[in-house]
Amino acid sequence: MTPSRQHAIVIGASVAGLCAARALSEIFDHVTVIDRDELPSEPVARRGVPQSRQLHFLLVRGREALDELFPGVSEDLIRAGAVAADMQADFNWNFVGHPMRKAPSDLVGIGVTRSLLEFTLRSRVMRLPTVTVIERCDVTGLRADPDRRGVTGVRARSRADTQAEITLGADLVVDACGRGTRSATWLESLGYSEHPRSGSASSSPTSHAPTAVNPNISRATSARCTRPIPNRPAVPAPRLWALTASRFCSAPAVVRNCRPGTRRWPSSPRASEATTSPRSSVRRRR
């Protein structure tokens, strides 16, 4: 029996949810995307994406994948102010004291703010004739068929009318809520046994702040990997420079000195050379 492909529901309108909706629009008659936030009509940060103020850089394969789903999106981002950079020619890579030779390559990525990336993808998805985006709506649970053999939709409640709960049927439900997902709890409430979980813990805490820069510097071109701390000054957005300090794995991190809610940065010759002072509080995310 061929499964029905009339309606798919995607929970979450962030990058993963938007990509899922775009892919599903080719095989389902209709796709509904549900998000609890009021989705902004311009590229600004929103509450449901806490990392939206962090610098983002699309690596080559990620950029290619987005261009496959959304043809021409790289050009759209660049026209809107994102910065294309050859990762071998435009960066000064230094691995444990050994500089990498700079040379032109086809490893071109894009430095872009998360808000611009998400806004651009969302604008594309909302123009698809078979996709509906519902904002300010909380998914409160899943719906299953009587014999519990499959999920058949979701229960949701609009934030405009918190008293009325609606039920939306679907042939497929995709959870793109990220770390805030409640799918496991919803499935258990329907009587499904707990399913083994697999995953990888992120151990790359990051501190970020917009900064004023030395006017003689035209673009960020430094990526330094010391032992054992990668220190990666970042790529600029239009009229805004972002300085980001990160760590990988369980190495002692320089970002411990970047206290949330302060303007203090760890000492760094590159950072002190390039910047004068942060233009907002340092934001930290794990």
Protein backbone atom coordinates (compact mmCIF):
# COMPACT_ATOMS: atom_id res chain seq x y z
CA MET A 1 0.00 0.00 0.00
CA THR A 2 1.42 3.37 -1.03
CA PRO A 3 1.54 5.77 1.92
CA SER A 4 -0.53 8.92 1.58
CA ARG A 5 1.41 12.07 0.80
CA GLN A 6 -1.30 14.67 1.13
CA HIS A 7 -0.14 16.67 4.16
CA ALA A 8 3.09 17.02 6.14
CA ILE A 9 3.61 19.09 9.28
CA VAL A 10 6.97 20.57 10.30
CA ILE A 11 7.32 21.75 13.91
CA GLY A 12 9.76 24.65 14.02
CA ALA A 13 10.52 27.35 11.44
CA SER A 14 14.23 27.65 12.01
CA VAL A 15 16.84 26.63 9.41
CA ALA A 16 16.28 22.88 9.82
CA GLY A 17 12.50 23.25 9.66
CA LEU A 18 12.64 25.51 6.62
CA CYS A 19 14.92 23.09 4.78
CA ALA A 20 12.63 20.20 5.68
CA ALA A 21 9.58 22.12 4.43
CA ARG A 22 11.32 22.92 1.15
CA ALA A 23 12.26 19.26 0.59
CA LEU A 24 8.80 17.97 1.55
CA SER A 25 7.09 20.45 -0.76
CA GLU A 26 8.27 18.34 -3.71
CA ILE A 27 6.56 15.14 -2.57
CA PHE A 28 3.57 16.25 -0.45
CA ASP A 29 0.48 18.05 -1.70
CA HIS A 30 0.65 20.49 1.21
CA VAL A 31 3.14 21.31 3.98
CA THR A 32 2.37 23.23 7.17
CA VAL A 33 5.17 24.78 9.25
CA ILE A 34 4.29 25.69 12.85
CA ASP A 35 6.40 27.96 15.07
CA ARG A 36 5.73 29.43 18.47
CA ASP A 37 7.43 32.76 17.72
CA GLU A 38 6.10 35.76 15.89
CA LEU A 39 8.29 35.52 12.82
CA PRO A 40 9.92 38.88 12.00
CA SER A 41 9.34 40.57 8.65
CA GLU A 42 12.99 41.63 8.50
CA PRO A 43 16.32 39.97 9.32
CA VAL A 44 16.43 40.47 13.08
CA ALA A 45 17.03 38.12 16.01
CA ARG A 46 14.08 36.33 17.59
CA ARG A 47 13.53 34.73 20.96
CA GLY A 48 13.17 31.14 19.76
CA VAL A 49 16.67 31.14 18.23
CA PRO A 50 19.06 31.99 21.08
CA GLN A 51 22.08 31.64 18.77
CA SER A 52 20.67 34.15 16.29
CA ARG A 53 23.09 36.85 17.45
CA GLN A 54 26.12 34.62 16.98
CA LEU A 55 28.24 34.79 13.87
CA HIS A 56 27.49 32.10 11.30
CA PHE A 57 29.68 30.90 8.47
CA LEU A 58 28.38 28.58 5.77
CA LEU A 59 31.10 26.09 4.89
CA VAL A 60 31.35 24.92 1.31
CA ARG A 61 29.17 21.83 1.54
CA GLY A 62 26.54 23.62 3.57
CA ARG A 63 26.40 26.42 1.01
CA GLU A 64 26.11 23.90 -1.82
CA ALA A 65 23.34 22.02 -0.03
CA LEU A 66 21.33 25.20 0.49
CA ASP A 67 21.82 26.16 -3.16
CA GLU A 68 20.47 22.75 -4.16
CA LEU A 69 17.32 23.29 -2.10
CA PHE A 70 17.04 27.02 -2.78
CA PRO A 71 18.67 27.76 -6.17
CA GLY A 72 20.49 31.10 -6.12
CA VAL A 73 20.25 31.60 -2.36
CA SER A 74 24.01 32.24 -2.06
CA GLU A 75 23.70 35.16 -4.46
CA ASP A 76 20.66 36.43 -2.53
CA LEU A 77 22.65 36.41 0.72
CA ILE A 78 25.63 38.20 -0.84
CA ARG A 79 23.38 40.86 -2.37
CA ALA A 80 21.88 41.39 1.09
CA GLY A 81 25.33 41.99 2.61
CA ALA A 82 26.77 38.56 3.44
CA VAL A 83 30.48 38.10 2.70
CA ALA A 84 31.89 35.37 0.46
CA ALA A 85 35.37 34.20 1.45
CA ASP A 86 37.86 31.72 0.03
CA MET A 87 38.77 29.69 3.07
CA GLN A 88 42.31 29.08 1.87
CA ALA A 89 43.08 32.38 0.15
CA ASP A 90 41.27 34.82 2.48
CA PHE A 91 42.12 33.33 5.87
CA ASN A 92 45.39 33.13 7.77
CA TRP A 93 45.32 29.59 9.13
CA ASN A 94 47.84 28.80 11.84
CA PHE A 95 47.92 25.27 13.25
CA VAL A 96 50.00 24.93 16.41
CA GLY A 97 52.45 27.51 15.15
CA HIS A 98 52.55 26.26 11.55
CA PRO A 99 51.03 28.69 9.03
CA MET A 100 49.15 27.23 6.09
CA ARG A 101 50.15 28.47 2.65
CA LYS A 102 47.55 30.83 1.19
CA ALA A 103 46.34 30.03 -2.32
CA PRO A 104 43.13 30.40 -4.33
CA SER A 105 40.75 27.46 -4.01
CA ASP A 106 37.15 26.51 -4.67
CA LEU A 107 36.47 26.34 -0.92
CA VAL A 108 34.29 29.44 -0.88
CA GLY A 109 32.05 29.88 2.14
CA ILE A 110 29.76 32.70 3.22
CA GLY A 111 29.90 34.74 6.42
CA VAL A 112 26.36 35.75 7.34
CA THR A 113 24.32 36.64 10.37
CA ARG A 114 21.91 33.95 11.49
CA SER A 115 19.00 36.38 11.26
CA LEU A 116 19.73 37.16 7.60
CA LEU A 117 20.20 33.49 6.73
CA GLU A 118 16.94 32.45 8.37
CA PHE A 119 15.01 35.42 6.97
CA THR A 120 16.20 34.68 3.44
CA LEU A 121 15.27 30.98 3.65
CA ARG A 122 11.93 31.76 5.30
CA SER A 123 11.06 34.27 2.57
CA ARG A 124 11.73 31.59 -0.04
CA VAL A 125 9.63 28.98 1.79
CA MET A 126 6.71 31.34 2.33
CA ARG A 127 6.53 31.95 -1.41
CA LEU A 128 6.00 28.26 -2.13
CA PRO A 129 2.34 27.80 -3.12
CA THR A 130 1.94 24.50 -1.26
CA VAL A 131 3.47 25.64 2.04
CA THR A 132 1.64 27.38 4.89
CA VAL A 133 3.52 28.91 7.82
CA ILE A 134 1.62 29.29 11.10
CA GLU A 135 3.31 31.54 13.66
CA ARG A 136 2.62 32.25 17.34
CA CYS A 137 1.34 28.71 17.78
CA ASP A 138 2.49 26.10 20.31
CA VAL A 139 2.38 22.41 19.47
CA THR A 140 1.08 20.76 22.63
CA GLY A 141 1.16 17.10 21.63
CA LEU A 142 0.89 14.47 18.94
CA ARG A 143 -2.18 12.65 17.68
CA ALA A 144 -2.12 8.91 16.96
CA ASP A 145 -4.51 6.48 15.30
CA PRO A 146 -6.72 4.36 17.61
CA ASP A 147 -4.45 1.32 17.61
CA ARG A 148 -1.34 3.48 18.15
CA ARG A 149 0.31 2.23 14.98
CA GLY A 150 1.26 5.66 13.74
CA VAL A 151 1.26 9.38 14.41
CA THR A 152 -1.54 11.08 12.50
CA GLY A 153 -1.10 14.74 13.37
CA VAL A 154 -0.54 17.29 16.13
CA ARG A 155 -2.46 19.21 18.75
CA ALA A 156 -1.72 22.91 18.82
CA ARG A 157 -2.80 26.07 20.58
CA SER A 158 -2.57 29.58 19.14
CA ARG A 159 -0.94 32.17 21.37
CA ALA A 160 -3.65 34.58 20.27
CA ASP A 161 -6.29 32.28 21.82
CA THR A 162 -4.72 30.12 24.50
CA GLN A 163 -8.04 28.52 25.45
CA ALA A 164 -8.75 26.87 22.11
CA GLU A 165 -6.78 23.80 21.13
CA ILE A 166 -6.89 22.66 17.52
CA THR A 167 -6.01 19.35 15.91
CA LEU A 168 -4.22 19.16 12.60
CA GLY A 169 -4.05 15.87 10.73
CA ALA A 170 -0.95 14.84 8.83
CA ASP A 171 0.56 11.91 7.00
CA LEU A 172 4.01 12.88 8.28
CA VAL A 173 5.17 14.97 11.25
CA VAL A 174 8.72 16.32 11.35
CA ASP A 175 10.08 17.65 14.64
CA ALA A 176 12.62 20.41 13.93
CA CYS A 177 12.53 21.98 17.39
CA GLY A 178 16.17 21.29 18.18
CA ARG A 179 17.25 20.78 21.77
CA GLY A 180 13.88 22.02 23.03
CA THR A 181 12.00 19.09 21.49
CA ARG A 182 9.29 17.36 23.51
CA SER A 183 8.67 14.52 21.07
CA ALA A 184 9.89 11.83 23.47
CA THR A 185 7.44 13.03 26.15
CA TRP A 186 4.59 13.25 23.65
CA LEU A 187 5.23 9.72 22.37
CA GLU A 188 5.38 8.31 25.90
CA SER A 189 2.06 9.99 26.70
CA LEU A 190 0.53 8.10 23.77
CA GLY A 191 1.72 4.79 25.21
CA TYR A 192 4.83 4.27 23.10
CA SER A 193 7.76 2.80 24.95
CA GLU A 194 10.83 4.96 25.36
CA HIS A 195 13.01 4.69 22.30
CA PRO A 196 16.80 4.48 22.65
CA ARG A 197 18.33 7.87 22.07
CA SER A 198 21.56 8.67 20.33
CA GLY A 199 23.35 11.95 19.88
CA SER A 200 26.53 13.89 20.35
CA ALA A 201 26.96 16.56 22.97
CA SER A 202 28.17 19.92 21.77
CA SER A 203 31.20 21.13 23.68
CA SER A 204 31.95 24.34 21.83
CA PRO A 205 30.86 27.22 24.06
CA THR A 206 31.05 30.49 22.20
CA SER A 207 31.18 34.13 23.24
CA HIS A 208 30.30 36.85 20.79
CA ALA A 209 29.91 40.62 20.59
CA PRO A 210 29.74 43.28 17.89
CA THR A 211 32.94 45.31 17.98
CA ALA A 212 34.47 48.49 16.65
CA VAL A 213 37.48 47.73 14.48
CA ASN A 214 40.63 49.36 13.24
CA PRO A 215 39.52 51.20 10.05
CA ASN A 216 42.63 49.96 8.22
CA ILE A 217 41.33 46.39 8.34
CA SER A 218 39.00 45.66 5.43
CA ARG A 219 37.84 42.16 6.38
CA ALA A 220 38.48 39.48 8.95
CA THR A 221 41.12 37.10 7.70
CA SER A 222 42.36 35.22 10.72
CA ALA A 223 41.77 31.73 11.95
CA ARG A 224 44.32 30.61 14.49
CA CYS A 225 44.51 27.13 15.95
CA THR A 226 46.84 27.02 18.92
CA ARG A 227 47.35 24.16 21.30
CA PRO A 228 44.72 23.29 22.31
CA ILE A 229 42.45 26.32 21.78
CA PRO A 230 41.07 27.40 18.39
CA ASN A 231 40.65 31.18 18.42
CA ARG A 232 38.63 32.37 15.48
CA PRO A 233 38.03 36.06 14.84
CA ALA A 234 35.15 36.21 12.47
CA VAL A 235 33.76 37.51 9.20
CA PRO A 236 31.98 40.89 9.08
CA ALA A 237 28.35 41.60 8.29
CA PRO A 238 27.41 44.93 6.67
CA ARG A 239 28.64 47.80 8.89
CA LEU A 240 29.12 45.37 11.73
CA TRP A 241 32.09 43.32 12.82
CA ALA A 242 31.61 40.29 15.00
CA LEU A 243 34.38 38.91 17.16
CA THR A 244 33.80 35.33 18.26
CA ALA A 245 35.86 33.24 20.67
CA SER A 246 35.21 29.50 20.78
CA ARG A 247 36.62 26.29 22.10
CA PHE A 248 36.34 22.72 20.85
CA CYS A 249 36.10 19.42 22.71
CA SER A 250 37.09 19.59 26.37
CA ALA A 251 40.15 21.79 26.00
CA PRO A 252 40.62 24.61 28.51
CA ALA A 253 38.87 27.56 26.92
CA VAL A 254 39.94 31.13 26.64
CA VAL A 255 36.26 32.05 26.54
CA ARG A 256 35.99 31.44 30.27
CA ASN A 257 37.18 35.01 30.61
CA CYS A 258 34.30 36.25 28.43
CA ARG A 259 31.70 36.78 31.10
CA PRO A 260 28.06 36.90 29.96
CA GLY A 261 26.56 40.36 30.26
CA THR A 262 29.93 42.13 30.43
CA ARG A 263 32.12 43.92 27.93
CA ARG A 264 35.26 42.03 28.89
CA TRP A 265 37.20 39.99 26.34
CA PRO A 266 40.17 37.71 26.90
CA SER A 267 43.54 39.17 26.02
CA SER A 268 44.49 38.39 22.44
CA PRO A 269 47.08 40.20 20.30
CA ARG A 270 44.88 39.80 17.23
CA ALA A 271 41.77 40.98 19.04
CA SER A 272 43.47 44.00 20.63
CA GLU A 273 45.00 44.94 17.29
CA ALA A 274 41.71 44.73 15.41
CA THR A 275 39.19 46.09 17.90
CA THR A 276 38.64 48.98 20.25
CA SER A 277 35.72 47.84 22.37
CA PRO A 278 32.63 45.66 22.17
CA ARG A 279 29.51 47.54 21.09
CA SER A 280 27.19 45.43 23.25
CA SER A 281 27.32 42.96 26.09
CA VAL A 282 29.20 39.75 25.42
CA ARG A 283 26.73 36.97 24.70
CA ARG A 284 27.67 33.43 25.55
CA ARG A 285 26.17 30.21 24.27
CA ARG A 286 26.99 26.55 24.78
